[in-house]
Every structure is written in C-alpha cells, then in structure tokens.
Amino acid sequence: MMGLALSMFIALFAFGHELLGWSDPRGQIQLGLFMAFLFGIVCGYRTRG
C-alpha cells in the first residue's frame, strides 16, 4: 500500500499539471500535495506505533 501511495504522490507532484491541467505558477498546489503526504506519513506512523 505504501508503494502505491508513493507512486501516486510522485506522479501527482511531478506530472499533475499535465495530467489534471492545473496552473500552478507559484507552487502552492505542489506544496499542498507535499504537506498532505507528509502529514499522512506522520499520522500513519503514530497510529501504527
């Protein structure tokens, strides 16, 4: 499951503007994606541990 989540994150982070057609000149969407992924890792670690 982690491999799937990581591959989806990389795809959205690197190619999201091409796949979904958003315009992100200041990088706000990429920052939001990165923070959501980071918080998901932290929450998953705290739930499991």
Protein backbone atom coordinates (compact mmCIF):
# COMPACT_ATOMS: atom_id res chain seq x y z
CA MET A 1 0.00 0.00 0.00
CA MET A 2 2.84 2.37 0.75
CA GLY A 3 4.33 1.74 -2.70
CA LEU A 4 1.03 2.67 -4.33
CA ALA A 5 0.72 5.84 -2.25
CA LEU A 6 4.32 6.82 -3.02
CA SER A 7 3.93 6.27 -6.75
CA MET A 8 0.68 8.26 -6.82
CA PHE A 9 2.32 11.10 -4.91
CA ILE A 10 5.30 11.20 -7.27
CA ALA A 11 3.02 11.15 -10.30
CA LEU A 12 0.85 13.98 -8.99
CA PHE A 13 3.80 16.01 -7.75
CA ALA A 14 5.80 15.71 -10.95
CA PHE A 15 3.13 15.45 -13.66
CA GLY A 16 -0.08 16.73 -12.02
CA HIS A 17 -0.19 19.90 -14.08
CA GLU A 18 -0.09 17.81 -17.26
CA LEU A 19 -2.47 15.07 -16.05
CA LEU A 20 -5.09 17.30 -14.45
CA GLY A 21 -4.42 20.57 -16.25
CA TRP A 22 -3.95 22.91 -13.30
CA SER A 23 -1.96 26.09 -13.42
CA ASP A 24 0.48 26.47 -10.50
CA PRO A 25 2.98 29.25 -11.20
CA ARG A 26 3.89 29.81 -7.53
CA GLY A 27 3.98 26.13 -6.48
CA GLN A 28 1.10 26.31 -4.00
CA ILE A 29 -0.55 23.11 -5.21
CA GLN A 30 2.72 21.18 -5.06
CA LEU A 31 3.33 22.48 -1.54
CA GLY A 32 -0.16 21.34 -0.53
CA LEU A 33 0.41 17.88 -2.01
CA PHE A 34 3.74 17.56 -0.23
CA MET A 35 2.30 18.63 3.13
CA ALA A 36 -0.69 16.26 2.79
CA PHE A 37 1.68 13.37 2.03
CA LEU A 38 3.94 14.31 4.94
CA PHE A 39 1.02 14.58 7.39
CA GLY A 40 -0.31 11.24 6.15
CA ILE A 41 3.03 9.60 6.92
CA VAL A 42 3.11 11.14 10.40
CA CYS A 43 -0.47 10.12 11.19
CA GLY A 44 0.08 6.60 9.89
CA TYR A 45 3.24 6.23 11.94
CA ARG A 46 1.54 7.46 15.12
CA THR A 47 -1.49 5.19 14.57
CA ARG A 48 0.63 2.11 13.95
CA GLY A 49 3.18 2.80 16.70
